[in-house]
Amino acid sequence: MSGTFVVGFDGSEAAHRALDFAIERAAAQGGTVLIAHVLEWSPYSFLTPTELEERHKRRREELERAETALMAPVVKKVSGRGAEIESVIRYGKIADVLCEIAKDEKAAQIFIGRDGHSALGARVFGSVASALVQTAPVPCTIVP
């Protein structure tokens, strides 16, 4: 069975564990790993044209920084481990965007790392893992 495995990646130790786990599975099954980084971005509806222009400039800068500082190094590091590696960077709510990517890519599974927040912290601040297991279009693996 081959397919695409989407890995939510933020550069954390937990994300690296999830990526390693997904690569092992993809290599064993002849699949592809799509490393997905989501930059959270909240839209503002009351901006002047000048403010909008500045905001778009900052957005482009963030995308470039994420690509050069986070994604390119990790893709280089994990390439050659038996699975095809791709990457994508998008803006939005993390769980929603990971679900969109999974649908668009016809992914077989989504992997994310658990960051160790307490149950209380997850209830107060929300949790990407909880949102994914409730809304994902494909199975999710939460890697401890």
N, C-alpha and C. Protein backbone atom coordinates (compact mmCIF):
# COMPACT_ATOMS: atom_id res chain seq x y z
N MET A 1 0.84 -1.18 0.00
CA MET A 1 0.00 0.00 0.00
C MET A 1 0.88 1.24 0.00
N SER A 2 0.73 2.07 -0.98
CA SER A 2 1.48 3.32 -1.00
C SER A 2 0.49 4.46 -0.87
N GLY A 3 1.00 5.61 -0.59
CA GLY A 3 0.14 6.78 -0.44
C GLY A 3 0.94 7.94 0.09
N THR A 4 0.23 9.02 0.33
CA THR A 4 0.86 10.21 0.86
C THR A 4 0.54 10.34 2.33
N PHE A 5 1.57 10.58 3.12
CA PHE A 5 1.42 10.82 4.55
C PHE A 5 1.73 12.29 4.80
N VAL A 6 0.77 13.00 5.35
CA VAL A 6 0.95 14.41 5.68
C VAL A 6 1.47 14.50 7.11
N VAL A 7 2.54 15.24 7.30
CA VAL A 7 3.11 15.44 8.63
C VAL A 7 3.03 16.91 8.98
N GLY A 8 2.26 17.23 10.02
CA GLY A 8 2.22 18.59 10.53
C GLY A 8 3.54 18.88 11.21
N PHE A 9 4.26 19.89 10.75
CA PHE A 9 5.63 20.12 11.22
C PHE A 9 5.83 21.56 11.65
N ASP A 10 6.31 21.74 12.89
CA ASP A 10 6.59 23.09 13.39
C ASP A 10 8.03 23.24 13.87
N GLY A 11 8.85 22.24 13.65
CA GLY A 11 10.25 22.30 14.06
C GLY A 11 10.51 21.81 15.46
N SER A 12 9.48 21.51 16.22
CA SER A 12 9.65 21.06 17.60
C SER A 12 10.18 19.63 17.65
N GLU A 13 10.62 19.24 18.83
CA GLU A 13 11.09 17.88 19.04
C GLU A 13 9.97 16.88 18.74
N ALA A 14 8.76 17.20 19.16
CA ALA A 14 7.61 16.32 18.91
C ALA A 14 7.35 16.19 17.41
N ALA A 15 7.49 17.28 16.67
CA ALA A 15 7.28 17.24 15.22
C ALA A 15 8.34 16.38 14.55
N HIS A 16 9.57 16.45 15.03
CA HIS A 16 10.63 15.60 14.48
C HIS A 16 10.34 14.13 14.73
N ARG A 17 9.82 13.80 15.91
CA ARG A 17 9.44 12.40 16.20
C ARG A 17 8.34 11.93 15.25
N ALA A 18 7.35 12.78 15.04
CA ALA A 18 6.25 12.43 14.13
C ALA A 18 6.77 12.24 12.71
N LEU A 19 7.68 13.11 12.29
CA LEU A 19 8.25 13.02 10.95
C LEU A 19 9.03 11.72 10.78
N ASP A 20 9.87 11.39 11.77
CA ASP A 20 10.63 10.13 11.70
C ASP A 20 9.70 8.92 11.62
N PHE A 21 8.65 8.93 12.43
CA PHE A 21 7.68 7.84 12.45
C PHE A 21 6.99 7.71 11.09
N ALA A 22 6.58 8.82 10.51
CA ALA A 22 5.90 8.80 9.21
C ALA A 22 6.84 8.33 8.10
N ILE A 23 8.09 8.76 8.15
CA ILE A 23 9.06 8.34 7.13
C ILE A 23 9.27 6.84 7.17
N GLU A 24 9.38 6.28 8.37
CA GLU A 24 9.53 4.82 8.50
C GLU A 24 8.37 4.10 7.84
N ARG A 25 7.14 4.57 8.10
CA ARG A 25 5.97 3.93 7.51
C ARG A 25 5.92 4.12 6.00
N ALA A 26 6.21 5.32 5.55
CA ALA A 26 6.19 5.59 4.11
C ALA A 26 7.24 4.77 3.37
N ALA A 27 8.43 4.67 3.95
CA ALA A 27 9.50 3.89 3.32
C ALA A 27 9.10 2.42 3.22
N ALA A 28 8.48 1.89 4.25
CA ALA A 28 8.05 0.49 4.26
C ALA A 28 6.94 0.22 3.24
N GLN A 29 6.15 1.26 2.95
CA GLN A 29 4.99 1.07 2.06
C GLN A 29 5.18 1.69 0.68
N GLY A 30 6.34 2.28 0.44
CA GLY A 30 6.58 2.92 -0.85
C GLY A 30 5.80 4.20 -1.03
N GLY A 31 5.61 4.92 0.06
CA GLY A 31 4.80 6.13 0.02
C GLY A 31 5.61 7.41 0.00
N THR A 32 4.88 8.51 0.06
CA THR A 32 5.44 9.86 0.04
C THR A 32 5.11 10.55 1.35
N VAL A 33 6.05 11.32 1.85
CA VAL A 33 5.80 12.14 3.04
C VAL A 33 5.73 13.60 2.60
N LEU A 34 4.62 14.23 2.95
CA LEU A 34 4.44 15.64 2.67
C LEU A 34 4.54 16.39 3.99
N ILE A 35 5.65 17.11 4.16
CA ILE A 35 5.87 17.86 5.40
C ILE A 35 5.13 19.19 5.25
N ALA A 36 4.17 19.42 6.15
CA ALA A 36 3.32 20.61 6.05
C ALA A 36 3.53 21.52 7.25
N HIS A 37 3.89 22.75 6.96
CA HIS A 37 4.04 23.77 8.01
C HIS A 37 2.94 24.79 7.82
N VAL A 38 2.23 25.08 8.90
CA VAL A 38 1.13 26.03 8.83
C VAL A 38 1.47 27.26 9.66
N LEU A 39 1.46 28.40 9.00
CA LEU A 39 1.65 29.67 9.68
C LEU A 39 0.27 30.20 10.03
N GLU A 40 0.04 30.44 11.31
CA GLU A 40 -1.26 30.95 11.71
C GLU A 40 -1.36 32.40 11.27
N TRP A 41 -2.49 32.75 10.69
CA TRP A 41 -2.69 34.08 10.15
C TRP A 41 -4.14 34.45 10.32
N SER A 42 -4.38 35.48 11.05
CA SER A 42 -5.76 35.90 11.25
C SER A 42 -6.06 37.08 10.33
N PRO A 43 -7.14 37.00 9.60
CA PRO A 43 -7.47 38.11 8.70
C PRO A 43 -8.03 39.30 9.46
N TYR A 44 -7.65 40.46 9.02
CA TYR A 44 -8.22 41.70 9.58
C TYR A 44 -9.12 42.30 8.51
N SER A 45 -10.29 42.71 8.88
CA SER A 45 -11.22 43.21 7.88
C SER A 45 -11.22 44.73 7.78
N PHE A 46 -10.59 45.42 8.70
CA PHE A 46 -10.63 46.88 8.69
C PHE A 46 -9.23 47.47 8.54
N LEU A 47 -8.61 47.22 7.41
CA LEU A 47 -7.28 47.75 7.15
C LEU A 47 -7.33 48.71 5.98
N THR A 48 -6.49 49.72 6.06
CA THR A 48 -6.38 50.66 4.95
C THR A 48 -5.58 50.00 3.83
N PRO A 49 -5.63 50.53 2.62
CA PRO A 49 -4.81 49.96 1.53
C PRO A 49 -3.32 49.92 1.87
N THR A 50 -2.82 50.91 2.55
CA THR A 50 -1.41 50.92 2.94
C THR A 50 -1.11 49.81 3.94
N GLU A 51 -2.00 49.65 4.90
CA GLU A 51 -1.83 48.57 5.89
C GLU A 51 -1.91 47.20 5.23
N LEU A 52 -2.81 47.03 4.28
CA LEU A 52 -2.91 45.76 3.56
C LEU A 52 -1.64 45.46 2.79
N GLU A 53 -1.08 46.46 2.14
CA GLU A 53 0.16 46.28 1.39
C GLU A 53 1.29 45.85 2.32
N GLU A 54 1.40 46.50 3.47
CA GLU A 54 2.43 46.14 4.45
C GLU A 54 2.22 44.73 4.98
N ARG A 55 0.98 44.39 5.23
CA ARG A 55 0.65 43.06 5.74
C ARG A 55 1.03 41.97 4.72
N HIS A 56 0.75 42.19 3.44
CA HIS A 56 1.12 41.23 2.41
C HIS A 56 2.63 41.09 2.29
N LYS A 57 3.34 42.19 2.46
CA LYS A 57 4.80 42.16 2.43
C LYS A 57 5.32 41.30 3.57
N ARG A 58 4.79 41.51 4.78
CA ARG A 58 5.21 40.70 5.93
C ARG A 58 4.88 39.23 5.72
N ARG A 59 3.74 38.97 5.11
CA ARG A 59 3.34 37.58 4.85
C ARG A 59 4.35 36.90 3.92
N ARG A 60 4.73 37.58 2.85
CA ARG A 60 5.74 37.02 1.94
C ARG A 60 7.05 36.76 2.67
N GLU A 61 7.45 37.72 3.52
CA GLU A 61 8.68 37.56 4.29
C GLU A 61 8.60 36.35 5.22
N GLU A 62 7.46 36.16 5.86
CA GLU A 62 7.28 35.00 6.74
C GLU A 62 7.37 33.70 5.97
N LEU A 63 6.76 33.65 4.79
CA LEU A 63 6.83 32.45 3.96
C LEU A 63 8.27 32.14 3.58
N GLU A 64 9.01 33.16 3.16
CA GLU A 64 10.41 32.97 2.78
C GLU A 64 11.25 32.50 3.96
N ARG A 65 11.01 33.10 5.13
CA ARG A 65 11.75 32.72 6.33
C ARG A 65 11.44 31.28 6.73
N ALA A 66 10.17 30.88 6.66
CA ALA A 66 9.78 29.51 7.01
C ALA A 66 10.42 28.52 6.05
N GLU A 67 10.47 28.88 4.78
CA GLU A 67 11.07 27.98 3.80
C GLU A 67 12.57 27.82 4.03
N THR A 68 13.29 28.92 4.22
CA THR A 68 14.75 28.83 4.34
C THR A 68 15.21 28.37 5.71
N ALA A 69 14.52 28.76 6.77
CA ALA A 69 14.97 28.43 8.12
C ALA A 69 14.43 27.10 8.64
N LEU A 70 13.26 26.68 8.15
CA LEU A 70 12.63 25.49 8.71
C LEU A 70 12.50 24.35 7.70
N MET A 71 11.86 24.62 6.59
CA MET A 71 11.52 23.54 5.68
C MET A 71 12.70 23.01 4.86
N ALA A 72 13.45 23.89 4.23
CA ALA A 72 14.58 23.42 3.41
C ALA A 72 15.57 22.58 4.22
N PRO A 73 15.95 23.01 5.44
CA PRO A 73 16.87 22.18 6.20
C PRO A 73 16.30 20.81 6.59
N VAL A 74 15.03 20.76 6.96
CA VAL A 74 14.48 19.47 7.37
C VAL A 74 14.31 18.54 6.16
N VAL A 75 13.91 19.09 5.02
CA VAL A 75 13.80 18.26 3.82
C VAL A 75 15.17 17.69 3.45
N LYS A 76 16.19 18.52 3.51
CA LYS A 76 17.55 18.05 3.22
C LYS A 76 17.98 16.96 4.20
N LYS A 77 17.66 17.16 5.47
CA LYS A 77 18.06 16.20 6.52
C LYS A 77 17.41 14.83 6.34
N VAL A 78 16.13 14.80 5.94
CA VAL A 78 15.43 13.52 5.90
C VAL A 78 15.39 12.89 4.52
N SER A 79 15.86 13.57 3.49
CA SER A 79 15.88 12.99 2.15
C SER A 79 16.82 11.80 2.12
N GLY A 80 16.49 10.83 1.27
CA GLY A 80 17.35 9.67 1.13
C GLY A 80 17.09 8.59 2.16
N ARG A 81 15.97 8.66 2.86
CA ARG A 81 15.66 7.65 3.87
C ARG A 81 14.60 6.66 3.40
N GLY A 82 14.42 6.54 2.08
CA GLY A 82 13.54 5.51 1.55
C GLY A 82 12.14 5.96 1.20
N ALA A 83 11.82 7.20 1.43
CA ALA A 83 10.50 7.73 1.07
C ALA A 83 10.70 9.03 0.32
N GLU A 84 9.82 9.29 -0.63
CA GLU A 84 9.86 10.57 -1.33
C GLU A 84 9.40 11.65 -0.35
N ILE A 85 10.11 12.76 -0.33
CA ILE A 85 9.82 13.85 0.60
C ILE A 85 9.41 15.09 -0.19
N GLU A 86 8.28 15.68 0.22
CA GLU A 86 7.82 16.93 -0.35
C GLU A 86 7.50 17.87 0.81
N SER A 87 7.32 19.15 0.52
CA SER A 87 6.96 20.09 1.59
C SER A 87 5.99 21.13 1.07
N VAL A 88 5.24 21.69 2.02
CA VAL A 88 4.29 22.74 1.70
C VAL A 88 4.18 23.67 2.91
N ILE A 89 4.00 24.95 2.63
CA ILE A 89 3.77 25.94 3.69
C ILE A 89 2.49 26.67 3.34
N ARG A 90 1.59 26.76 4.31
CA ARG A 90 0.33 27.46 4.08
C ARG A 90 -0.01 28.30 5.31
N TYR A 91 -0.94 29.21 5.09
CA TYR A 91 -1.47 30.05 6.17
C TYR A 91 -2.84 29.55 6.58
N GLY A 92 -3.18 29.72 7.88
CA GLY A 92 -4.52 29.41 8.35
C GLY A 92 -4.50 28.77 9.72
N LYS A 93 -5.64 28.21 10.10
CA LYS A 93 -5.74 27.46 11.35
C LYS A 93 -5.14 26.09 11.11
N ILE A 94 -4.27 25.68 12.00
CA ILE A 94 -3.45 24.49 11.77
C ILE A 94 -4.28 23.26 11.42
N ALA A 95 -5.22 22.89 12.27
CA ALA A 95 -6.00 21.67 12.03
C ALA A 95 -6.77 21.77 10.72
N ASP A 96 -7.40 22.91 10.48
CA ASP A 96 -8.17 23.09 9.24
C ASP A 96 -7.30 22.95 8.01
N VAL A 97 -6.13 23.56 8.05
CA VAL A 97 -5.24 23.54 6.89
C VAL A 97 -4.68 22.13 6.67
N LEU A 98 -4.32 21.43 7.74
CA LEU A 98 -3.84 20.06 7.58
C LEU A 98 -4.92 19.18 6.96
N CYS A 99 -6.17 19.38 7.36
CA CYS A 99 -7.27 18.63 6.76
C CYS A 99 -7.43 18.97 5.28
N GLU A 100 -7.33 20.25 4.94
CA GLU A 100 -7.41 20.66 3.54
C GLU A 100 -6.29 20.03 2.70
N ILE A 101 -5.09 20.06 3.25
CA ILE A 101 -3.96 19.47 2.54
C ILE A 101 -4.19 17.98 2.33
N ALA A 102 -4.65 17.29 3.37
CA ALA A 102 -4.92 15.86 3.26
C ALA A 102 -5.95 15.57 2.17
N LYS A 103 -7.00 16.37 2.11
CA LYS A 103 -8.02 16.20 1.06
C LYS A 103 -7.43 16.47 -0.32
N ASP A 104 -6.74 17.61 -0.45
CA ASP A 104 -6.18 18.00 -1.75
C ASP A 104 -5.20 16.96 -2.29
N GLU A 105 -4.41 16.39 -1.40
CA GLU A 105 -3.36 15.45 -1.80
C GLU A 105 -3.84 14.00 -1.80
N LYS A 106 -5.11 13.80 -1.43
CA LYS A 106 -5.67 12.43 -1.30
C LYS A 106 -4.77 11.58 -0.40
N ALA A 107 -4.42 12.19 0.73
CA ALA A 107 -3.50 11.55 1.68
C ALA A 107 -4.14 10.32 2.32
N ALA A 108 -3.29 9.41 2.74
CA ALA A 108 -3.74 8.21 3.44
C ALA A 108 -3.83 8.44 4.93
N GLN A 109 -3.01 9.37 5.44
CA GLN A 109 -2.94 9.57 6.89
C GLN A 109 -2.29 10.90 7.20
N ILE A 110 -2.60 11.42 8.41
CA ILE A 110 -1.96 12.62 8.94
C ILE A 110 -1.21 12.23 10.20
N PHE A 111 0.01 12.74 10.34
CA PHE A 111 0.82 12.51 11.53
C PHE A 111 1.15 13.86 12.18
N ILE A 112 1.04 13.93 13.49
CA ILE A 112 1.53 15.09 14.22
C ILE A 112 2.17 14.60 15.51
N GLY A 113 3.03 15.42 16.06
CA GLY A 113 3.65 15.10 17.34
C GLY A 113 2.86 15.70 18.48
N ARG A 114 2.84 15.01 19.58
CA ARG A 114 2.20 15.54 20.80
C ARG A 114 3.22 16.36 21.53
N ASP A 115 2.85 17.58 21.89
CA ASP A 115 3.82 18.48 22.50
C ASP A 115 3.88 18.41 24.01
N GLY A 116 3.02 17.62 24.62
CA GLY A 116 3.11 17.44 26.07
C GLY A 116 2.32 18.41 26.90
N HIS A 117 1.47 19.27 26.26
CA HIS A 117 0.63 20.15 27.07
C HIS A 117 -0.30 19.32 27.95
N SER A 118 -0.60 19.85 29.08
CA SER A 118 -1.50 19.16 30.00
C SER A 118 -2.92 19.16 29.46
N ALA A 119 -3.75 18.30 30.01
CA ALA A 119 -5.16 18.25 29.61
C ALA A 119 -5.83 19.60 29.89
N LEU A 120 -5.47 20.23 31.00
CA LEU A 120 -6.04 21.53 31.33
C LEU A 120 -5.63 22.56 30.28
N GLY A 121 -4.37 22.57 29.91
CA GLY A 121 -3.89 23.51 28.89
C GLY A 121 -4.60 23.30 27.56
N ALA A 122 -4.82 22.04 27.19
CA ALA A 122 -5.52 21.76 25.94
C ALA A 122 -6.96 22.25 25.99
N ARG A 123 -7.61 22.11 27.15
CA ARG A 123 -9.00 22.57 27.28
C ARG A 123 -9.07 24.09 27.21
N VAL A 124 -8.12 24.75 27.83
CA VAL A 124 -8.14 26.21 27.87
C VAL A 124 -7.73 26.81 26.53
N PHE A 125 -6.65 26.30 25.95
CA PHE A 125 -6.08 26.90 24.75
C PHE A 125 -6.46 26.18 23.46
N GLY A 126 -7.11 25.04 23.56
CA GLY A 126 -7.43 24.26 22.37
C GLY A 126 -6.29 23.35 22.02
N SER A 127 -6.51 22.45 21.12
CA SER A 127 -5.49 21.48 20.79
C SER A 127 -5.63 21.08 19.32
N VAL A 128 -4.54 21.14 18.61
CA VAL A 128 -4.53 20.71 17.23
C VAL A 128 -4.88 19.24 17.16
N ALA A 129 -4.32 18.44 18.07
CA ALA A 129 -4.60 17.01 18.06
C ALA A 129 -6.09 16.73 18.24
N SER A 130 -6.73 17.40 19.21
CA SER A 130 -8.16 17.17 19.41
C SER A 130 -8.96 17.57 18.20
N ALA A 131 -8.63 18.71 17.60
CA ALA A 131 -9.37 19.15 16.42
C ALA A 131 -9.18 18.18 15.27
N LEU A 132 -7.97 17.69 15.09
CA LEU A 132 -7.71 16.76 13.98
C LEU A 132 -8.48 15.46 14.13
N VAL A 133 -8.45 14.88 15.32
CA VAL A 133 -9.12 13.59 15.47
C VAL A 133 -10.63 13.72 15.29
N GLN A 134 -11.16 14.91 15.47
CA GLN A 134 -12.59 15.11 15.29
C GLN A 134 -12.97 15.48 13.86
N THR A 135 -12.06 16.11 13.10
CA THR A 135 -12.45 16.64 11.80
C THR A 135 -11.66 16.08 10.61
N ALA A 136 -10.61 15.34 10.84
CA ALA A 136 -9.75 14.89 9.75
C ALA A 136 -10.50 13.95 8.80
N PRO A 137 -10.22 14.08 7.51
CA PRO A 137 -10.85 13.21 6.52
C PRO A 137 -10.16 11.85 6.39
N VAL A 138 -9.03 11.69 7.07
CA VAL A 138 -8.26 10.45 7.03
C VAL A 138 -7.80 10.12 8.45
N PRO A 139 -7.32 8.89 8.69
CA PRO A 139 -6.83 8.57 10.03
C PRO A 139 -5.68 9.48 10.45
N CYS A 140 -5.61 9.74 11.75
CA CYS A 140 -4.55 10.58 12.33
C CYS A 140 -3.73 9.75 13.29
N THR A 141 -2.44 9.97 13.27
CA THR A 141 -1.56 9.36 14.25
C THR A 141 -0.92 10.49 15.05
N ILE A 142 -1.10 10.42 16.36
CA ILE A 142 -0.51 11.40 17.28
C ILE A 142 0.70 10.70 17.89
N VAL A 143 1.88 11.19 17.59
CA VAL A 143 3.11 10.55 18.04
C VAL A 143 3.56 11.20 19.34
N PRO A 144 3.70 10.37 20.41
CA PRO A 144 4.15 10.94 21.70
C PRO A 144 5.61 11.33 21.68
